[in-house]
Amino acid sequence: MTNSNISFNSTGEALRFVASEISAINSAFLEIHYPACGERFEK
C-alpha cells in the first residue's frame, strides 16, 4: 500500500474504502440492468 496514491491509517480503513467502491459499482450495475428493482437494494 506504500506506493498507492491513497494512504490508509489502518487495514480497516482500507477495507471500508474497498467495500464502498464495490457497493458503488454494484449500485450502478443494478441501476443500469434492473432499474425497476433499484429500490430493493437501497440501504
Protein backbone atom coordinates (compact mmCIF):
# COMPACT_ATOMS: atom_id res chain seq x y z
CA MET A 1 0.00 0.00 0.00
CA THR A 2 3.03 2.28 0.32
CA ASN A 3 3.07 3.12 -3.39
CA SER A 4 -0.64 3.90 -3.52
CA ASN A 5 -1.93 7.42 -4.08
CA ILE A 6 -4.32 6.89 -1.17
CA SER A 7 -2.82 6.34 2.28
CA PHE A 8 -4.78 4.39 4.86
CA ASN A 9 -4.45 4.73 8.61
CA SER A 10 -5.29 1.09 9.12
CA THR A 11 -6.38 -2.06 7.34
CA GLY A 12 -9.95 -1.40 8.50
CA GLU A 13 -9.99 1.94 6.72
CA ALA A 14 -8.72 0.28 3.53
CA LEU A 15 -11.40 -2.40 3.78
CA ARG A 16 -14.12 0.21 4.25
CA PHE A 17 -12.83 2.04 1.18
CA VAL A 18 -12.87 -1.14 -0.91
CA ALA A 19 -16.32 -2.06 0.38
CA SER A 20 -17.68 1.38 -0.53
CA GLU A 21 -16.17 1.09 -4.02
CA ILE A 22 -17.74 -2.34 -4.52
CA SER A 23 -21.08 -1.06 -3.22
CA ALA A 24 -20.98 1.87 -5.64
CA ILE A 25 -20.18 -0.44 -8.57
CA ASN A 26 -22.96 -2.85 -7.61
CA SER A 27 -25.44 0.01 -7.24
CA ALA A 28 -24.53 1.37 -10.67
CA PHE A 29 -24.83 -2.09 -12.19
CA LEU A 30 -28.27 -2.61 -10.65
CA GLU A 31 -29.46 0.81 -11.78
CA ILE A 32 -28.39 0.05 -15.35
CA HIS A 33 -29.65 -3.52 -15.63
CA TYR A 34 -32.50 -3.59 -13.12
CA PRO A 35 -33.88 -0.03 -12.87
CA ALA A 36 -37.32 -1.20 -11.77
CA CYS A 37 -35.83 -3.15 -8.85
CA GLY A 38 -33.40 -0.45 -7.70
CA GLU A 39 -35.41 0.48 -4.63
CA ARG A 40 -34.99 -3.02 -3.19
CA PHE A 41 -31.22 -2.61 -2.97
CA GLU A 42 -31.21 0.80 -1.30
CA LYS A 43 -29.78 0.65 2.21
